[in-house]
C-alpha atoms as a PDB file:
ATOM      1  CA  UNK A   1      -3.351   6.903  -2.293  1.00  0.00           C
ATOM      2  CA  UNK A   2      -4.192  12.318  -3.021  1.00  0.00           C
ATOM      3  CA  UNK A   3      -2.130  13.057   0.112  1.00  0.00           C
ATOM      4  CA  UNK A   4       1.071  11.053  -0.045  1.00  0.00           C
ATOM      5  CA  UNK A   5       0.605   7.271   0.083  1.00  0.00           C
ATOM      6  CA  UNK A   6       2.240   5.293   2.850  1.00  0.00           C
ATOM      7  CA  UNK A   7       4.959   4.016   0.499  1.00  0.00           C
ATOM      8  CA  UNK A   8       6.228   7.566  -0.137  1.00  0.00           C
ATOM      9  CA  UNK A   9       8.292   9.667   2.295  1.00  0.00           C
ATOM     10  CA  UNK A  10       9.341  13.276   1.768  1.00  0.00           C
ATOM     11  CA  UNK A  11      12.614  15.009   2.636  1.00  0.00           C
ATOM     12  CA  UNK A  12      12.723  18.760   1.895  1.00  0.00           C
ATOM     13  CA  UNK A  13      10.086  18.431  -0.814  1.00  0.00           C
ATOM     14  CA  UNK A  14      11.704  15.436  -2.520  1.00  0.00           C
ATOM     15  CA  UNK A  15       9.857  12.109  -2.621  1.00  0.00           C
ATOM     16  CA  UNK A  16      11.600   8.962  -1.415  1.00  0.00           C
ATOM     17  CA  UNK A  17       9.985   5.594  -2.077  1.00  0.00           C
ATOM     18  CA  UNK A  18       9.858   3.147   0.807  1.00  0.00           C
ATOM     19  CA  UNK A  19       8.420  -0.252   1.657  1.00  0.00           C
ATOM     20  CA  UNK A  20       8.015  -2.516   4.670  1.00  0.00           C
ATOM     21  CA  UNK A  21      10.375  -5.503   4.659  1.00  0.00           C
ATOM     22  CA  UNK A  22      11.114  -7.675   7.690  1.00  0.00           C
ATOM     23  CA  UNK A  23       9.033  -5.305   9.840  1.00  0.00           C
ATOM     24  CA  UNK A  24      11.068  -2.170   9.111  1.00  0.00           C
ATOM     25  CA  UNK A  25      11.224   0.591   6.526  1.00  0.00           C
ATOM     26  CA  UNK A  26      13.458   0.090   3.494  1.00  0.00           C
ATOM     27  CA  UNK A  27      14.106   3.114   1.262  1.00  0.00           C
ATOM     28  CA  UNK A  28      15.056   3.467  -2.392  1.00  0.00           C
ATOM     29  CA  UNK A  29      18.816   3.999  -2.522  1.00  0.00           C
ATOM     30  CA  UNK A  30      18.508   5.795  -5.874  1.00  0.00           C
ATOM     31  CA  UNK A  31      15.960   8.240  -4.440  1.00  0.00           C
ATOM     32  CA  UNK A  32      18.220   8.953  -1.464  1.00  0.00           C
ATOM     33  CA  UNK A  33      21.293   9.405  -3.667  1.00  0.00           C
ATOM     34  CA  UNK A  34      19.310  11.752  -5.898  1.00  0.00           C
ATOM     35  CA  UNK A  35      18.190  13.860  -2.924  1.00  0.00           C
ATOM     36  CA  UNK A  36      21.663  14.131  -1.396  1.00  0.00           C
ATOM     37  CA  UNK A  37      23.640  14.723  -4.589  1.00  0.00           C
ATOM     38  CA  UNK A  38      21.139  16.515  -6.843  1.00  0.00           C
ATOM     39  CA  UNK A  39      22.619  14.303  -9.537  1.00  0.00           C
ATOM     40  CA  UNK A  40      20.590  14.078 -12.765  1.00  0.00           C
ATOM     41  CA  UNK A  41      21.764  10.445 -12.972  1.00  0.00           C
ATOM     42  CA  UNK A  42      21.587   8.941  -9.473  1.00  0.00           C
ATOM     43  CA  UNK A  43      21.780   5.443 -10.974  1.00  0.00           C
ATOM     44  CA  UNK A  44      25.242   6.214 -12.404  1.00  0.00           C
ATOM     45  CA  UNK A  45      26.351   7.879  -9.143  1.00  0.00           C
ATOM     46  CA  UNK A  46      25.250   4.822  -7.134  1.00  0.00           C
ATOM     47  CA  UNK A  47      27.008   2.458  -9.560  1.00  0.00           C
ATOM     48  CA  UNK A  48      30.266   4.381  -9.148  1.00  0.00           C
ATOM     49  CA  UNK A  49      29.882   4.298  -5.361  1.00  0.00           C
ATOM     50  CA  UNK A  50      29.641   0.512  -5.478  1.00  0.00           C
ATOM     51  CA  UNK A  51      32.708   0.348  -7.704  1.00  0.00           C
ATOM     52  CA  UNK A  52      34.741   2.453  -5.269  1.00  0.00           C
ATOM     53  CA  UNK A  53      33.569   0.645  -2.138  1.00  0.00           C
ATOM     54  CA  UNK A  54      33.677  -3.120  -2.640  1.00  0.00           C
ATOM     55  CA  UNK A  55      31.977  -3.604   0.727  1.00  0.00           C
ATOM     56  CA  UNK A  56      28.861  -2.024  -0.765  1.00  0.00           C
ATOM     57  CA  UNK A  57      29.071  -3.793  -4.112  1.00  0.00           C
ATOM     58  CA  UNK A  58      27.093  -6.848  -2.945  1.00  0.00           C
ATOM     59  CA  UNK A  59      23.557  -6.929  -1.483  1.00  0.00           C
ATOM     60  CA  UNK A  60      23.224  -7.404   2.269  1.00  0.00           C
ATOM     61  CA  UNK A  61      23.957  -6.249   4.853  1.00  0.00           C
ATOM     62  CA  UNK A  62      23.756  -2.768   3.335  1.00  0.00           C
ATOM     63  CA  UNK A  63      21.050  -3.153   0.707  1.00  0.00           C
ATOM     64  CA  UNK A  64      18.550  -5.540  -0.869  1.00  0.00           C
ATOM     65  CA  UNK A  65      16.593  -5.577  -4.108  1.00  0.00           C
ATOM     66  CA  UNK A  66      12.903  -5.040  -3.334  1.00  0.00           C
ATOM     67  CA  UNK A  67       9.955  -4.182  -5.552  1.00  0.00           C
ATOM     68  CA  UNK A  68       8.988  -0.498  -5.575  1.00  0.00           C
ATOM     69  CA  UNK A  69       6.479   1.337  -7.724  1.00  0.00           C
ATOM     70  CA  UNK A  70       7.985   3.345 -10.578  1.00  0.00           C
ATOM     71  CA  UNK A  71       6.643   6.446 -12.325  1.00  0.00           C
ATOM     72  CA  UNK A  72       4.792   4.224 -14.822  1.00  0.00           C
ATOM     73  CA  UNK A  73       2.739   2.677 -12.011  1.00  0.00           C
ATOM     74  CA  UNK A  74       4.454  -0.720 -12.270  1.00  0.00           C
ATOM     75  CA  UNK A  75       6.697  -2.312  -9.657  1.00  0.00           C
ATOM     76  CA  UNK A  76      10.327  -3.155 -10.361  1.00  0.00           C
ATOM     77  CA  UNK A  77      13.241  -4.633  -8.424  1.00  0.00           C
ATOM     78  CA  UNK A  78      15.001  -1.645  -6.865  1.00  0.00           C
ATOM     79  CA  UNK A  79      18.083  -1.329  -4.651  1.00  0.00           C
ATOM     80  CA  UNK A  80      16.765  -0.541  -1.154  1.00  0.00           C
ATOM     81  CA  UNK A  81      18.387  -0.099   2.256  1.00  0.00           C
ATOM     82  CA  UNK A  82      17.075   0.019   5.784  1.00  0.00           C
ATOM     83  CA  UNK A  83      17.984   2.815   8.205  1.00  0.00           C
ATOM     84  CA  UNK A  84      21.240   1.164   9.259  1.00  0.00           C
ATOM     85  CA  UNK A  85      22.282   0.498   5.665  1.00  0.00           C
ATOM     86  CA  UNK A  86      21.480   4.036   4.576  1.00  0.00           C
ATOM     87  CA  UNK A  87      23.594   5.502   7.361  1.00  0.00           C
ATOM     88  CA  UNK A  88      26.508   3.505   5.970  1.00  0.00           C
ATOM     89  CA  UNK A  89      25.778   4.618   2.395  1.00  0.00           C
ATOM     90  CA  UNK A  90      25.366   8.274   3.405  1.00  0.00           C
ATOM     91  CA  UNK A  91      28.862   8.258   4.922  1.00  0.00           C
ATOM     92  CA  UNK A  92      30.236   7.844   1.395  1.00  0.00           C
ATOM     93  CA  UNK A  93      28.322  10.834  -0.010  1.00  0.00           C
ATOM     94  CA  UNK A  94      29.871  14.276   0.545  1.00  0.00           C
ATOM     95  CA  UNK A  95      26.793  16.460   0.867  1.00  0.00           C
ATOM     96  CA  UNK A  96      25.719  19.377   3.095  1.00  0.00           C
ATOM     97  CA  UNK A  97      22.322  17.648   3.280  1.00  0.00           C
ATOM     98  CA  UNK A  98      23.795  14.536   4.917  1.00  0.00           C
ATOM     99  CA  UNK A  99      23.359  15.563   8.575  1.00  0.00           C
ATOM    100  CA  UNK A 100      19.762  16.840   8.315  1.00  0.00           C
ATOM    101  CA  UNK A 101      18.958  13.746   6.261  1.00  0.00           C
ATOM    102  CA  UNK A 102      20.378  11.488   8.988  1.00  0.00           C
ATOM    103  CA  UNK A 103      18.165  13.184  11.581  1.00  0.00           C
ATOM    104  CA  UNK A 104      15.132  12.836   9.287  1.00  0.00           C
ATOM    105  CA  UNK A 105      15.954   9.189   8.622  1.00  0.00           C
ATOM    106  CA  UNK A 106      16.360   8.388  12.313  1.00  0.00           C
ATOM    107  CA  UNK A 107      12.974   9.959  13.042  1.00  0.00           C
ATOM    108  CA  UNK A 108      11.206   8.057  10.248  1.00  0.00           C
ATOM    109  CA  UNK A 109      12.775   4.769  11.360  1.00  0.00           C
ATOM    110  CA  UNK A 110      11.901   5.461  14.983  1.00  0.00           C
ATOM    111  CA  UNK A 111       8.270   6.176  14.101  1.00  0.00           C
ATOM    112  CA  UNK A 112       8.006   2.785  12.378  1.00  0.00           C
ATOM    113  CA  UNK A 113       9.530   1.015  15.390  1.00  0.00           C
ATOM    114  CA  UNK A 114       7.022   2.708  17.698  1.00  0.00           C
ATOM    115  CA  UNK A 115       4.158   1.723  15.393  1.00  0.00           C
ATOM    116  CA  UNK A 116       5.278  -1.923  15.492  1.00  0.00           C
ATOM    117  CA  UNK A 117       5.346  -1.777  19.301  1.00  0.00           C
ATOM    118  CA  UNK A 118       1.992   0.026  19.420  1.00  0.00           C
ATOM    119  CA  UNK A 119      -0.108  -0.497  16.233  1.00  0.00           C
ATOM    120  CA  UNK A 120      -2.656   1.998  17.549  1.00  0.00           C
ATOM    121  CA  UNK A 121      -0.197   4.794  16.673  1.00  0.00           C
ATOM    122  CA  UNK A 122      -0.318   3.824  12.989  1.00  0.00           C
ATOM    123  CA  UNK A 123      -4.118   3.702  13.159  1.00  0.00           C
ATOM    124  CA  UNK A 124      -4.275   7.179  14.699  1.00  0.00           C
ATOM    125  CA  UNK A 125      -1.932   8.550  12.042  1.00  0.00           C
ATOM    126  CA  UNK A 126      -4.070   7.069   9.248  1.00  0.00           C
ATOM    127  CA  UNK A 127      -7.240   8.548  10.759  1.00  0.00           C
ATOM    128  CA  UNK A 128      -5.615  11.983  10.868  1.00  0.00           C
ATOM    129  CA  UNK A 129      -4.536  11.739   7.223  1.00  0.00           C
ATOM    130  CA  UNK A 130      -8.072  10.896   6.099  1.00  0.00           C
ATOM    131  CA  UNK A 131      -9.447  13.717   8.242  1.00  0.00           C
ATOM    132  CA  UNK A 132      -7.001  16.175   6.670  1.00  0.00           C
ATOM    133  CA  UNK A 133      -8.098  15.040   3.209  1.00  0.00           C
ATOM    134  CA  UNK A 134     -11.664  16.007   4.114  1.00  0.00           C
ATOM    135  CA  UNK A 135     -13.316  12.618   4.550  1.00  0.00           C
ATOM    136  CA  UNK A 136     -16.344  12.571   6.930  1.00  0.00           C
ATOM    137  CA  UNK A 137     -15.994  10.800  10.272  1.00  0.00           C
ATOM    138  CA  UNK A 138     -18.558   8.077   9.538  1.00  0.00           C
ATOM    139  CA  UNK A 139     -16.732   7.155   6.302  1.00  0.00           C
ATOM    140  CA  UNK A 140     -13.394   7.096   8.136  1.00  0.00           C
ATOM    141  CA  UNK A 141     -14.796   4.630  10.679  1.00  0.00           C
ATOM    142  CA  UNK A 142     -15.828   2.237   7.907  1.00  0.00           C
ATOM    143  CA  UNK A 143     -12.539   2.664   6.078  1.00  0.00           C
ATOM    144  CA  UNK A 144     -10.504   1.959   9.215  1.00  0.00           C
ATOM    145  CA  UNK A 145     -12.564  -1.152   9.922  1.00  0.00           C
ATOM    146  CA  UNK A 146     -12.029  -2.225   6.329  1.00  0.00           C
ATOM    147  CA  UNK A 147      -8.261  -1.800   6.713  1.00  0.00           C
ATOM    148  CA  UNK A 148      -8.287  -4.024   9.813  1.00  0.00           C
ATOM    149  CA  UNK A 149     -10.323  -6.721   8.031  1.00  0.00           C
ATOM    150  CA  UNK A 150      -8.027  -6.548   5.009  1.00  0.00           C
ATOM    151  CA  UNK A 151      -4.919  -6.953   7.185  1.00  0.00           C
ATOM    152  CA  UNK A 152      -6.503  -9.911   8.949  1.00  0.00           C
ATOM    153  CA  UNK A 153      -7.163 -11.533   5.559  1.00  0.00           C
ATOM    154  CA  UNK A 154      -3.668 -10.939   4.148  1.00  0.00           C
ATOM    155  CA  UNK A 155      -2.115 -12.269   7.368  1.00  0.00           C
ATOM    156  CA  UNK A 156      -4.235 -15.389   6.913  1.00  0.00           C
ATOM    157  CA  UNK A 157      -3.074 -15.727   3.302  1.00  0.00           C
ATOM    158  CA  UNK A 158       0.542 -15.454   4.372  1.00  0.00           C
ATOM    159  CA  UNK A 159       0.109 -18.161   6.986  1.00  0.00           C
ATOM    160  CA  UNK A 160      -1.514 -20.414   4.392  1.00  0.00           C
ATOM    161  CA  UNK A 161       1.201 -20.297   1.764  1.00  0.00           C
ATOM    162  CA  UNK A 162       0.851 -17.060  -0.212  1.00  0.00           C
ATOM    163  CA  UNK A 163       4.271 -15.579  -0.959  1.00  0.00           C
ATOM    164  CA  UNK A 164       4.159 -13.715  -4.275  1.00  0.00           C
ATOM    165  CA  UNK A 165       2.585 -10.278  -4.606  1.00  0.00           C
ATOM    166  CA  UNK A 166       0.933 -11.474  -7.806  1.00  0.00           C
ATOM    167  CA  UNK A 167      -0.924 -14.160  -5.815  1.00  0.00           C
ATOM    168  CA  UNK A 168      -2.258 -11.552  -3.371  1.00  0.00           C
ATOM    169  CA  UNK A 169      -3.539  -9.601  -6.388  1.00  0.00           C
ATOM    170  CA  UNK A 170      -5.143 -12.727  -7.898  1.00  0.00           C
ATOM    171  CA  UNK A 171      -6.959 -13.601  -4.661  1.00  0.00           C
ATOM    172  CA  UNK A 172      -8.114 -10.009  -4.169  1.00  0.00           C
ATOM    173  CA  UNK A 173      -9.395  -9.878  -7.754  1.00  0.00           C
ATOM    174  CA  UNK A 174     -11.306 -13.129  -7.178  1.00  0.00           C
ATOM    175  CA  UNK A 175     -13.220 -11.623  -4.242  1.00  0.00           C
ATOM    176  CA  UNK A 176     -13.871  -8.365  -6.091  1.00  0.00           C
ATOM    177  CA  UNK A 177     -15.083 -10.121  -9.248  1.00  0.00           C
ATOM    178  CA  UNK A 178     -17.527 -12.266  -7.289  1.00  0.00           C
ATOM    179  CA  UNK A 179     -18.724  -9.347  -5.155  1.00  0.00           C
ATOM    180  CA  UNK A 180     -19.077  -6.594  -7.748  1.00  0.00           C
ATOM    181  CA  UNK A 181     -18.643  -8.330 -11.106  1.00  0.00           C
ATOM    182  CA  UNK A 182     -15.490  -6.259 -11.560  1.00  0.00           C
ATOM    183  CA  UNK A 183     -11.806  -6.823 -10.909  1.00  0.00           C
ATOM    184  CA  UNK A 184     -10.024  -3.947  -9.081  1.00  0.00           C
ATOM    185  CA  UNK A 185      -8.404  -2.586 -12.264  1.00  0.00           C
ATOM    186  CA  UNK A 186     -11.801  -2.598 -14.008  1.00  0.00           C
ATOM    187  CA  UNK A 187     -13.447  -0.986 -10.982  1.00  0.00           C
ATOM    188  CA  UNK A 188     -10.865   1.830 -11.030  1.00  0.00           C
ATOM    189  CA  UNK A 189     -11.729   2.558 -14.651  1.00  0.00           C
ATOM    190  CA  UNK A 190     -15.422   2.821 -13.729  1.00  0.00           C
ATOM    191  CA  UNK A 191     -14.503   5.456 -11.151  1.00  0.00           C
ATOM    192  CA  UNK A 192     -12.032   7.246 -13.404  1.00  0.00           C
ATOM    193  CA  UNK A 193      -9.062   6.430 -11.187  1.00  0.00           C
ATOM    194  CA  UNK A 194      -5.474   5.742 -12.192  1.00  0.00           C
ATOM    195  CA  UNK A 195      -2.885   5.242  -9.439  1.00  0.00           C
ATOM    196  CA  UNK A 196      -5.239   6.142  -6.586  1.00  0.00           C
ATOM    197  CA  UNK A 197      -6.304   3.592  -3.975  1.00  0.00           C
ATOM    198  CA  UNK A 198      -9.678   2.213  -5.093  1.00  0.00           C
ATOM    199  CA  UNK A 199     -11.014   1.777  -1.557  1.00  0.00           C
ATOM    200  CA  UNK A 200     -10.328   5.421  -0.738  1.00  0.00           C
ATOM    201  CA  UNK A 201     -12.971   6.248  -3.351  1.00  0.00           C
ATOM    202  CA  UNK A 202     -15.698   3.797  -2.391  1.00  0.00           C
ATOM    203  CA  UNK A 203     -19.036   4.829  -0.914  1.00  0.00           C
ATOM    204  CA  UNK A 204     -20.546   3.272   2.216  1.00  0.00           C
ATOM    205  CA  UNK A 205     -22.208   0.325   0.469  1.00  0.00           C
ATOM    206  CA  UNK A 206     -19.086  -0.447  -1.545  1.00  0.00           C
ATOM    207  CA  UNK A 207     -16.922  -0.423   1.587  1.00  0.00           C
ATOM    208  CA  UNK A 208     -19.378  -2.563   3.561  1.00  0.00           C
ATOM    209  CA  UNK A 209     -19.664  -5.192   0.812  1.00  0.00           C
ATOM    210  CA  UNK A 210     -15.872  -5.259   0.396  1.00  0.00           C
ATOM    211  CA  UNK A 211     -15.560  -5.924   4.122  1.00  0.00           C
ATOM    212  CA  UNK A 212     -18.245  -8.633   3.954  1.00  0.00           C
ATOM    213  CA  UNK A 213     -16.481 -10.460   1.120  1.00  0.00           C
ATOM    214  CA  UNK A 214     -13.063 -10.308   2.776  1.00  0.00           C
ATOM    215  CA  UNK A 215     -14.230 -11.180   6.292  1.00  0.00           C
ATOM    216  CA  UNK A 216     -16.270 -14.102   4.965  1.00  0.00           C
ATOM    217  CA  UNK A 217     -13.251 -15.345   2.996  1.00  0.00           C
ATOM    218  CA  UNK A 218     -11.074 -15.206   6.121  1.00  0.00           C
ATOM    219  CA  UNK A 219     -13.556 -17.278   8.107  1.00  0.00           C
ATOM    220  CA  UNK A 220     -13.942 -19.819   5.280  1.00  0.00           C
ATOM    221  CA  UNK A 221     -10.142 -20.275   5.216  1.00  0.00           C
ATOM    222  CA  UNK A 222     -10.145 -20.928   8.953  1.00  0.00           C
ATOM    223  CA  UNK A 223     -13.126 -23.276   8.861  1.00  0.00           C
ATOM    224  CA  UNK A 224     -11.678 -25.335   5.992  1.00  0.00           C
ATOM    225  CA  UNK A 225      -8.063 -24.952   7.144  1.00  0.00           C
ATOM    226  CA  UNK A 226      -7.303 -24.120   3.523  1.00  0.00           C
ATOM    227  CA  UNK A 227      -3.712 -24.102   2.287  1.00  0.00           C
ATOM    228  CA  UNK A 228      -2.144 -23.269  -1.061  1.00  0.00           C
ATOM    229  CA  UNK A 229      -3.105 -20.607  -3.592  1.00  0.00           C
ATOM    230  CA  UNK A 230      -5.446 -22.746  -5.778  1.00  0.00           C
ATOM    231  CA  UNK A 231      -7.659 -23.716  -2.835  1.00  0.00           C
ATOM    232  CA  UNK A 232      -7.469 -20.252  -1.304  1.00  0.00           C
ATOM    233  CA  UNK A 233      -8.709 -18.939  -4.642  1.00  0.00           C
ATOM    234  CA  UNK A 234     -11.754 -21.217  -4.418  1.00  0.00           C
ATOM    235  CA  UNK A 235     -12.513 -19.881  -0.922  1.00  0.00           C
ATOM    236  CA  UNK A 236     -12.058 -16.297  -2.136  1.00  0.00           C
ATOM    237  CA  UNK A 237     -14.586 -16.866  -4.884  1.00  0.00           C
ATOM    238  CA  UNK A 238     -17.136 -18.256  -2.403  1.00  0.00           C
ATOM    239  CA  UNK A 239     -16.558 -15.386   0.042  1.00  0.00           C
ATOM    240  CA  UNK A 240     -17.047 -12.901  -2.764  1.00  0.00           C
ATOM    241  CA  UNK A 241     -20.164 -14.677  -4.011  1.00  0.00           C
ATOM    242  CA  UNK A 242     -21.781 -14.332  -0.583  1.00  0.00           C
ATOM    243  CA  UNK A 243     -21.129 -10.583  -0.646  1.00  0.00           C
ATOM    244  CA  UNK A 244     -22.259 -10.501  -4.286  1.00  0.00           C
ATOM    245  CA  UNK A 245     -25.578 -12.108  -3.383  1.00  0.00           C
ATOM    246  CA  UNK A 246     -26.109  -9.460  -0.704  1.00  0.00           C
ATOM    247  CA  UNK A 247     -25.305  -6.736  -3.265  1.00  0.00           C
ATOM    248  CA  UNK A 248     -27.844  -8.070  -5.759  1.00  0.00           C
ATOM    249  CA  UNK A 249     -30.573  -8.301  -3.105  1.00  0.00           C
ATOM    250  CA  UNK A 250     -29.928  -4.715  -2.003  1.00  0.00           C
ATOM    251  CA  UNK A 251     -29.951  -3.507  -5.599  1.00  0.00           C
ATOM    252  CA  UNK A 252     -33.293  -5.212  -6.264  1.00  0.00           C
ATOM    253  CA  UNK A 253     -34.832  -3.396  -3.303  1.00  0.00           C
ATOM    254  CA  UNK A 254     -33.229  -0.036  -4.088  1.00  0.00           C
ATOM    255  CA  UNK A 255     -33.805  -0.403  -7.837  1.00  0.00           C
ATOM    256  CA  UNK A 256     -30.370   0.937  -8.716  1.00  0.00           C
ATOM    257  CA  UNK A 257     -26.782  -0.278  -8.829  1.00  0.00           C
ATOM    258  CA  UNK A 258     -24.589   0.021  -5.757  1.00  0.00           C
ATOM    259  CA  UNK A 259     -21.498   0.311  -7.949  1.00  0.00           C
ATOM    260  CA  UNK A 260     -20.811   4.017  -8.166  1.00  0.00           C
ATOM    261  CA  UNK A 261     -18.890   6.044 -10.746  1.00  0.00           C
ATOM    262  CA  UNK A 262     -18.229   8.673  -8.085  1.00  0.00           C
ATOM    263  CA  UNK A 263     -14.815   9.099  -6.521  1.00  0.00           C
ATOM    264  CA  UNK A 264     -13.585  11.281  -3.688  1.00  0.00           C
ATOM    265  CA  UNK A 265     -11.522  13.518  -5.981  1.00  0.00           C
ATOM    266  CA  UNK A 266     -14.581  14.348  -8.086  1.00  0.00           C
ATOM    267  CA  UNK A 267     -16.748  14.897  -5.015  1.00  0.00           C
ATOM    268  CA  UNK A 268     -14.095  17.164  -3.462  1.00  0.00           C
ATOM    269  CA  UNK A 269     -14.155  19.384  -6.536  1.00  0.00           C
ATOM    270  CA  UNK A 270     -17.956  19.565  -6.336  1.00  0.00           C
ATOM    271  CA  UNK A 271     -17.770  20.655  -2.688  1.00  0.00           C
ATOM    272  CA  UNK A 272     -15.230  23.316  -3.595  1.00  0.00           C
ATOM    273  CA  UNK A 273     -17.397  24.481  -6.495  1.00  0.00           C
ATOM    274  CA  UNK A 274     -14.762  23.673  -9.138  1.00  0.00           C
END
């Protein structure tokens, strides 16, 4: 998720949470304040900044409340700012780290802009990250294809009325349940995972069946011109059932379950002899 996940950036060894909103990076203001001030209570520091500068006391144009993952693994509304907003906030923080942070921030923002203009750059970067983690090339090819299919599906959901993150999770769970007989949180327990990305720890069959369920669901949506979460959920179940039927047929021939307890972390330790 593990090499740093895409929603985490690093400045001089300090993690800064980030998320995509309106096609650009938005960063946790509290994380940035903590990095620049070394304050043990960045929340208090940020509150005092807003008190001093009334222009920053209200959301937009400098910051918005967006959901970011906390240390407990859950997502909470968090004050976030885009590159432009952070530049404004940084001006109010006397810190020797301000200038190098501005250069870092400009580079991170620029990289996102370039990736929007040329999505292939993001794909290349993801491939490199998996390669650095030690994944084999044939697995990476399947994983990258799975990412593309997943993005195609979520784009379709968005067009057809899905707005809440919870609804994306419900629809995803519907496909997974019908395909594997397990919801994603249950599947992670089988593999001994906690915060890690489940798909980064799937074997070939698991990845292929995940792709089959999600691609089938996308095409069913388009064929039926489905709209609204309840009907999309019905389609998701059918798409997953088709992949689930394929899984059961394969398992009958192979005489063992495709669902694996293995994960990449465990396999890495085996390769290293730990």
